[in-house]
PDB file of N, CA and C in Angstrom:
ATOM      1  N   UNK A   1     131.469 121.604 136.520  1.00  0.00           N
ATOM      2  CA  UNK A   1     130.821 122.500 135.584  1.00  0.00           C
ATOM      3  C   UNK A   1     130.037 121.687 134.565  1.00  0.00           C
ATOM      4  N   UNK A   2     129.111 122.305 133.904  1.00  0.00           N
ATOM      5  CA  UNK A   2     128.297 121.634 132.891  1.00  0.00           C
ATOM      6  C   UNK A   2     129.176 121.163 131.750  1.00  0.00           C
ATOM      7  N   UNK A   3     128.644 120.192 130.978  1.00  0.00           N
ATOM      8  CA  UNK A   3     129.353 119.768 129.779  1.00  0.00           C
ATOM      9  C   UNK A   3     129.414 120.914 128.783  1.00  0.00           C
ATOM     10  N   UNK A   4     128.416 121.783 128.855  1.00  0.00           N
ATOM     11  CA  UNK A   4     128.344 122.911 127.931  1.00  0.00           C
ATOM     12  C   UNK A   4     128.699 124.177 128.696  1.00  0.00           C
ATOM     13  N   UNK A   5     129.813 124.814 128.337  1.00  0.00           N
ATOM     14  CA  UNK A   5     130.218 126.048 129.007  1.00  0.00           C
ATOM     15  C   UNK A   5     129.331 127.184 128.550  1.00  0.00           C
ATOM     16  N   UNK A   6     128.984 128.032 129.488  1.00  0.00           N
ATOM     17  CA  UNK A   6     128.200 129.193 129.088  1.00  0.00           C
ATOM     18  C   UNK A   6     129.150 130.320 128.694  1.00  0.00           C
ATOM     19  N   UNK A   7     128.721 131.122 127.788  1.00  0.00           N
ATOM     20  CA  UNK A   7     129.524 132.243 127.314  1.00  0.00           C
ATOM     21  C   UNK A   7     129.485 133.340 128.367  1.00  0.00           C
ATOM     22  N   UNK A   8     130.645 133.751 128.827  1.00  0.00           N
ATOM     23  CA  UNK A   8     130.717 134.771 129.861  1.00  0.00           C
ATOM     24  C   UNK A   8     131.059 136.138 129.288  1.00  0.00           C
ATOM     25  N   UNK A   9     130.949 136.286 128.006  1.00  0.00           N
ATOM     26  CA  UNK A   9     131.251 137.569 127.392  1.00  0.00           C
ATOM     27  C   UNK A   9     132.750 137.765 127.259  1.00  0.00           C
ATOM     28  N   UNK A  10     133.195 139.002 127.423  1.00  0.00           N
ATOM     29  CA  UNK A  10     134.609 139.337 127.289  1.00  0.00           C
ATOM     30  C   UNK A  10     135.397 138.670 128.404  1.00  0.00           C
ATOM     31  N   UNK A  11     136.217 137.702 128.073  1.00  0.00           N
ATOM     32  CA  UNK A  11     137.008 136.989 129.074  1.00  0.00           C
ATOM     33  C   UNK A  11     136.190 135.893 129.739  1.00  0.00           C
ATOM     34  N   UNK A  12     136.843 135.040 130.448  1.00  0.00           N
ATOM     35  CA  UNK A  12     136.172 133.947 131.135  1.00  0.00           C
ATOM     36  C   UNK A  12     136.413 134.137 132.624  1.00  0.00           C
ATOM     37  N   UNK A  13     135.464 134.729 133.292  1.00  0.00           N
ATOM     38  CA  UNK A  13     135.634 135.048 134.719  1.00  0.00           C
ATOM     39  C   UNK A  13     135.775 133.802 135.575  1.00  0.00           C
ATOM     40  N   UNK A  14     135.067 132.739 135.215  1.00  0.00           N
ATOM     41  CA  UNK A  14     135.140 131.503 135.991  1.00  0.00           C
ATOM     42  C   UNK A  14     136.552 130.913 135.924  1.00  0.00           C
ATOM     43  N   UNK A  15     137.105 130.854 134.721  1.00  0.00           N
ATOM     44  CA  UNK A  15     138.463 130.322 134.560  1.00  0.00           C
ATOM     45  C   UNK A  15     139.480 131.234 135.232  1.00  0.00           C
ATOM     46  N   UNK A  16     139.301 132.536 135.115  1.00  0.00           N
ATOM     47  CA  UNK A  16     140.221 133.482 135.750  1.00  0.00           C
ATOM     48  C   UNK A  16     140.185 133.321 137.265  1.00  0.00           C
ATOM     49  N   UNK A  17     139.007 133.171 137.838  1.00  0.00           N
ATOM     50  CA  UNK A  17     138.872 133.000 139.281  1.00  0.00           C
ATOM     51  C   UNK A  17     139.556 131.699 139.729  1.00  0.00           C
ATOM     52  N   UNK A  18     139.331 130.612 138.986  1.00  0.00           N
ATOM     53  CA  UNK A  18     139.947 129.330 139.333  1.00  0.00           C
ATOM     54  C   UNK A  18     141.471 129.425 139.254  1.00  0.00           C
ATOM     55  N   UNK A  19     141.976 130.076 138.212  1.00  0.00           N
ATOM     56  CA  UNK A  19     143.419 130.254 138.062  1.00  0.00           C
ATOM     57  C   UNK A  19     143.985 131.075 139.217  1.00  0.00           C
ATOM     58  N   UNK A  20     143.334 132.184 139.528  1.00  0.00           N
ATOM     59  CA  UNK A  20     143.815 133.046 140.614  1.00  0.00           C
ATOM     60  C   UNK A  20     143.818 132.314 141.948  1.00  0.00           C
ATOM     61  N   UNK A  21     142.786 131.528 142.211  1.00  0.00           N
ATOM     62  CA  UNK A  21     142.721 130.778 143.466  1.00  0.00           C
ATOM     63  C   UNK A  21     143.827 129.725 143.529  1.00  0.00           C
ATOM     64  N   UNK A  22     144.049 129.020 142.427  1.00  0.00           N
ATOM     65  CA  UNK A  22     145.099 127.996 142.405  1.00  0.00           C
ATOM     66  C   UNK A  22     146.480 128.625 142.547  1.00  0.00           C
ATOM     67  N   UNK A  23     146.683 129.767 141.915  1.00  0.00           N
ATOM     68  CA  UNK A  23     147.963 130.465 142.018  1.00  0.00           C
ATOM     69  C   UNK A  23     148.222 130.918 143.447  1.00  0.00           C
ATOM     70  N   UNK A  24     147.216 131.482 144.068  1.00  0.00           N
ATOM     71  CA  UNK A  24     147.363 131.932 145.454  1.00  0.00           C
ATOM     72  C   UNK A  24     147.628 130.744 146.386  1.00  0.00           C
ATOM     73  N   UNK A  25     146.909 129.652 146.171  1.00  0.00           N
ATOM     74  CA  UNK A  25     147.097 128.455 147.000  1.00  0.00           C
ATOM     75  C   UNK A  25     148.542 127.939 146.870  1.00  0.00           C
ATOM     76  N   UNK A  26     149.059 127.904 145.636  1.00  0.00           N
ATOM     77  CA  UNK A  26     150.428 127.449 145.418  1.00  0.00           C
ATOM     78  C   UNK A  26     151.422 128.392 146.090  1.00  0.00           C
ATOM     79  N   UNK A  27     151.215 129.686 145.935  1.00  0.00           N
ATOM     80  CA  UNK A  27     152.133 130.671 146.525  1.00  0.00           C
ATOM     81  C   UNK A  27     152.190 130.535 148.040  1.00  0.00           C
ATOM     82  N   UNK A  28     151.068 130.201 148.651  1.00  0.00           N
ATOM     83  CA  UNK A  28     151.015 130.068 150.109  1.00  0.00           C
ATOM     84  C   UNK A  28     151.424 128.674 150.586  1.00  0.00           C
ATOM     85  N   UNK A  29     151.615 127.730 149.661  1.00  0.00           N
ATOM     86  CA  UNK A  29     151.881 126.338 150.034  1.00  0.00           C
ATOM     87  C   UNK A  29     153.282 126.109 150.579  1.00  0.00           C
ATOM     88  N   UNK A  30     154.205 127.039 150.305  1.00  0.00           N
ATOM     89  CA  UNK A  30     155.578 126.838 150.750  1.00  0.00           C
ATOM     90  C   UNK A  30     156.403 126.003 149.777  1.00  0.00           C
ATOM     91  N   UNK A  31     155.831 125.679 148.612  1.00  0.00           N
ATOM     92  CA  UNK A  31     156.549 124.849 147.642  1.00  0.00           C
ATOM     93  C   UNK A  31     157.203 125.655 146.532  1.00  0.00           C
ATOM     94  N   UNK A  32     157.115 126.970 146.581  1.00  0.00           N
ATOM     95  CA  UNK A  32     157.635 127.803 145.490  1.00  0.00           C
ATOM     96  C   UNK A  32     159.133 127.607 145.339  1.00  0.00           C
ATOM     97  N   UNK A  33     159.873 127.703 146.425  1.00  0.00           N
ATOM     98  CA  UNK A  33     161.333 127.561 146.355  1.00  0.00           C
ATOM     99  C   UNK A  33     161.721 126.176 145.837  1.00  0.00           C
ATOM    100  N   UNK A  34     161.040 125.152 146.322  1.00  0.00           N
ATOM    101  CA  UNK A  34     161.316 123.783 145.882  1.00  0.00           C
ATOM    102  C   UNK A  34     161.102 123.645 144.376  1.00  0.00           C
ATOM    103  N   UNK A  35     160.023 124.185 143.861  1.00  0.00           N
ATOM    104  CA  UNK A  35     159.739 124.086 142.435  1.00  0.00           C
ATOM    105  C   UNK A  35     160.706 124.937 141.611  1.00  0.00           C
ATOM    106  N   UNK A  36     161.118 126.076 142.144  1.00  0.00           N
ATOM    107  CA  UNK A  36     162.100 126.921 141.456  1.00  0.00           C
ATOM    108  C   UNK A  36     163.432 126.185 141.345  1.00  0.00           C
ATOM    109  N   UNK A  37     163.834 125.506 142.408  1.00  0.00           N
ATOM    110  CA  UNK A  37     165.078 124.735 142.378  1.00  0.00           C
ATOM    111  C   UNK A  37     164.976 123.577 141.389  1.00  0.00           C
ATOM    112  N   UNK A  38     163.807 122.967 141.317  1.00  0.00           N
ATOM    113  CA  UNK A  38     163.584 121.876 140.367  1.00  0.00           C
ATOM    114  C   UNK A  38     163.687 122.398 138.926  1.00  0.00           C
ATOM    115  N   UNK A  39     163.133 123.583 138.672  1.00  0.00           N
ATOM    116  CA  UNK A  39     163.210 124.177 137.333  1.00  0.00           C
ATOM    117  C   UNK A  39     164.649 124.524 136.980  1.00  0.00           C
ATOM    118  N   UNK A  40     165.396 125.066 137.933  1.00  0.00           N
ATOM    119  CA  UNK A  40     166.797 125.410 137.681  1.00  0.00           C
ATOM    120  C   UNK A  40     167.600 124.151 137.374  1.00  0.00           C
ATOM    121  N   UNK A  41     167.325 123.079 138.098  1.00  0.00           N
ATOM    122  CA  UNK A  41     168.027 121.822 137.854  1.00  0.00           C
ATOM    123  C   UNK A  41     167.733 121.316 136.443  1.00  0.00           C
ATOM    124  N   UNK A  42     166.494 121.489 135.968  1.00  0.00           N
ATOM    125  CA  UNK A  42     166.130 121.048 134.618  1.00  0.00           C
ATOM    126  C   UNK A  42     166.895 121.858 133.581  1.00  0.00           C
ATOM    127  N   UNK A  43     167.038 123.154 133.819  1.00  0.00           N
ATOM    128  CA  UNK A  43     167.757 124.016 132.880  1.00  0.00           C
ATOM    129  C   UNK A  43     169.239 123.644 132.831  1.00  0.00           C
ATOM    130  N   UNK A  44     169.764 123.207 133.950  1.00  0.00           N
ATOM    131  CA  UNK A  44     171.185 122.855 134.039  1.00  0.00           C
ATOM    132  C   UNK A  44     171.444 121.388 133.711  1.00  0.00           C
ATOM    133  N   UNK A  45     170.467 120.697 133.111  1.00  0.00           N
ATOM    134  CA  UNK A  45     170.618 119.266 132.834  1.00  0.00           C
ATOM    135  C   UNK A  45     170.480 118.991 131.340  1.00  0.00           C
ATOM    136  N   UNK A  46     170.422 117.726 131.009  1.00  0.00           N
ATOM    137  CA  UNK A  46     170.242 117.305 129.618  1.00  0.00           C
ATOM    138  C   UNK A  46     168.871 117.743 129.091  1.00  0.00           C
ATOM    139  N   UNK A  47     167.969 118.056 129.973  1.00  0.00           N
ATOM    140  CA  UNK A  47     166.626 118.491 129.587  1.00  0.00           C
ATOM    141  C   UNK A  47     166.632 119.894 128.950  1.00  0.00           C
ATOM    142  N   UNK A  48     167.741 120.624 129.081  1.00  0.00           N
ATOM    143  CA  UNK A  48     167.847 121.993 128.564  1.00  0.00           C
ATOM    144  C   UNK A  48     167.521 122.068 127.079  1.00  0.00           C
ATOM    145  N   UNK A  49     168.020 121.141 126.294  1.00  0.00           N
ATOM    146  CA  UNK A  49     167.774 121.172 124.846  1.00  0.00           C
ATOM    147  C   UNK A  49     166.280 121.058 124.552  1.00  0.00           C
ATOM    148  N   UNK A  50     165.601 120.200 125.265  1.00  0.00           N
ATOM    149  CA  UNK A  50     164.159 120.040 125.071  1.00  0.00           C
ATOM    150  C   UNK A  50     163.401 121.304 125.492  1.00  0.00           C
ATOM    151  N   UNK A  51     163.826 121.901 126.590  1.00  0.00           N
ATOM    152  CA  UNK A  51     163.187 123.136 127.052  1.00  0.00           C
ATOM    153  C   UNK A  51     163.425 124.274 126.059  1.00  0.00           C
ATOM    154  N   UNK A  52     164.631 124.380 125.524  1.00  0.00           N
ATOM    155  CA  UNK A  52     164.941 125.413 124.532  1.00  0.00           C
ATOM    156  C   UNK A  52     164.098 125.224 123.269  1.00  0.00           C
ATOM    157  N   UNK A  53     163.950 123.968 122.835  1.00  0.00           N
ATOM    158  CA  UNK A  53     163.136 123.678 121.649  1.00  0.00           C
ATOM    159  C   UNK A  53     161.683 124.077 121.896  1.00  0.00           C
ATOM    160  N   UNK A  54     161.158 123.741 123.059  1.00  0.00           N
ATOM    161  CA  UNK A  54     159.776 124.091 123.385  1.00  0.00           C
ATOM    162  C   UNK A  54     159.588 125.613 123.399  1.00  0.00           C
ATOM    163  N   UNK A  55     160.572 126.328 123.913  1.00  0.00           N
ATOM    164  CA  UNK A  55     160.480 127.787 123.927  1.00  0.00           C
ATOM    165  C   UNK A  55     160.497 128.343 122.500  1.00  0.00           C
ATOM    166  N   UNK A  56     161.352 127.793 121.641  1.00  0.00           N
ATOM    167  CA  UNK A  56     161.395 128.252 120.249  1.00  0.00           C
ATOM    168  C   UNK A  56     160.057 128.015 119.556  1.00  0.00           C
ATOM    169  N   UNK A  57     159.462 126.854 119.775  1.00  0.00           N
ATOM    170  CA  UNK A  57     158.165 126.541 119.173  1.00  0.00           C
ATOM    171  C   UNK A  57     157.118 127.533 119.657  1.00  0.00           C
ATOM    172  N   UNK A  58     157.095 127.792 120.956  1.00  0.00           N
ATOM    173  CA  UNK A  58     156.136 128.740 121.502  1.00  0.00           C
ATOM    174  C   UNK A  58     156.324 130.135 120.955  1.00  0.00           C
ATOM    175  N   UNK A  59     157.567 130.574 120.882  1.00  0.00           N
ATOM    176  CA  UNK A  59     157.850 131.921 120.376  1.00  0.00           C
ATOM    177  C   UNK A  59     157.521 132.035 118.888  1.00  0.00           C
ATOM    178  N   UNK A  60     157.654 130.939 118.148  1.00  0.00           N
ATOM    179  CA  UNK A  60     157.370 130.996 116.708  1.00  0.00           C
ATOM    180  C   UNK A  60     155.894 131.255 116.445  1.00  0.00           C
ATOM    181  N   UNK A  61     155.052 130.945 117.402  1.00  0.00           N
ATOM    182  CA  UNK A  61     153.609 131.144 117.242  1.00  0.00           C
ATOM    183  C   UNK A  61     153.139 132.465 117.839  1.00  0.00           C
ATOM    184  N   UNK A  62     154.029 133.146 118.516  1.00  0.00           N
ATOM    185  CA  UNK A  62     153.670 134.405 119.167  1.00  0.00           C
ATOM    186  C   UNK A  62     153.706 135.545 118.158  1.00  0.00           C
ATOM    187  N   UNK A  63     152.946 136.566 118.438  1.00  0.00           N
ATOM    188  CA  UNK A  63     152.941 137.741 117.570  1.00  0.00           C
ATOM    189  C   UNK A  63     154.129 138.640 117.875  1.00  0.00           C
ATOM    190  N   UNK A  64     154.800 138.391 118.977  1.00  0.00           N
ATOM    191  CA  UNK A  64     155.965 139.188 119.349  1.00  0.00           C
ATOM    192  C   UNK A  64     155.920 139.547 120.822  1.00  0.00           C
ATOM    193  N   UNK A  65     156.998 140.110 121.284  1.00  0.00           N
ATOM    194  CA  UNK A  65     157.079 140.530 122.679  1.00  0.00           C
ATOM    195  C   UNK A  65     156.208 141.751 122.915  1.00  0.00           C
ATOM    196  N   UNK A  66     155.644 141.842 124.080  1.00  0.00           N
ATOM    197  CA  UNK A  66     154.884 143.020 124.469  1.00  0.00           C
ATOM    198  C   UNK A  66     155.889 144.119 124.762  1.00  0.00           C
ATOM    199  N   UNK A  67     155.846 145.223 124.028  1.00  0.00           N
ATOM    200  CA  UNK A  67     156.832 146.281 124.245  1.00  0.00           C
ATOM    201  C   UNK A  67     156.738 146.907 125.635  1.00  0.00           C
ATOM    202  N   UNK A  68     155.626 146.707 126.327  1.00  0.00           N
ATOM    203  CA  UNK A  68     155.476 147.269 127.670  1.00  0.00           C
ATOM    204  C   UNK A  68     156.248 146.443 128.694  1.00  0.00           C
ATOM    205  N   UNK A  69     156.666 145.251 128.300  1.00  0.00           N
ATOM    206  CA  UNK A  69     157.382 144.366 129.223  1.00  0.00           C
ATOM    207  C   UNK A  69     158.855 144.361 128.833  1.00  0.00           C
ATOM    208  N   UNK A  70     159.688 144.691 129.771  1.00  0.00           N
ATOM    209  CA  UNK A  70     161.129 144.654 129.533  1.00  0.00           C
ATOM    210  C   UNK A  70     161.697 143.512 130.342  1.00  0.00           C
ATOM    211  N   UNK A  71     162.228 142.524 129.665  1.00  0.00           N
ATOM    212  CA  UNK A  71     162.777 141.357 130.347  1.00  0.00           C
ATOM    213  C   UNK A  71     164.175 141.670 130.854  1.00  0.00           C
ATOM    214  N   UNK A  72     164.417 141.262 132.070  1.00  0.00           N
ATOM    215  CA  UNK A  72     165.760 141.393 132.630  1.00  0.00           C
ATOM    216  C   UNK A  72     166.516 140.114 132.300  1.00  0.00           C
ATOM    217  N   UNK A  73     167.789 140.197 131.996  1.00  0.00           N
ATOM    218  CA  UNK A  73     168.546 138.984 131.715  1.00  0.00           C
ATOM    219  C   UNK A  73     168.604 138.093 132.949  1.00  0.00           C
ATOM    220  N   UNK A  74     168.585 136.809 132.714  1.00  0.00           N
ATOM    221  CA  UNK A  74     168.648 135.843 133.810  1.00  0.00           C
ATOM    222  C   UNK A  74     169.994 135.935 134.502  1.00  0.00           C
ATOM    223  N   UNK A  75     169.966 135.855 135.815  1.00  0.00           N
ATOM    224  CA  UNK A  75     171.200 135.849 136.583  1.00  0.00           C
ATOM    225  C   UNK A  75     171.368 134.478 137.196  1.00  0.00           C
ATOM    226  N   UNK A  76     172.578 134.082 137.309  1.00  0.00           N
ATOM    227  CA  UNK A  76     172.840 132.745 137.895  1.00  0.00           C
ATOM    228  C   UNK A  76     173.751 132.869 139.069  1.00  0.00           C
TER     229      UNK A  76
END
């Protein structure tokens, strides 16, 4: 892409398209389960404290939860 991004108006269609393509490619790659297991291992390790801190920092900058989204509790 150019050094200077062009304004695409409401939203960035180019970035959205690239994200969607990369997401689809990953989903079809067969690595989803492997990466999910890697994430679970991180949560169950010494890295948990760092992950919890990062989540707190992220949530502190958020305007709040979207009331349309109801999170289900994690099951193990």
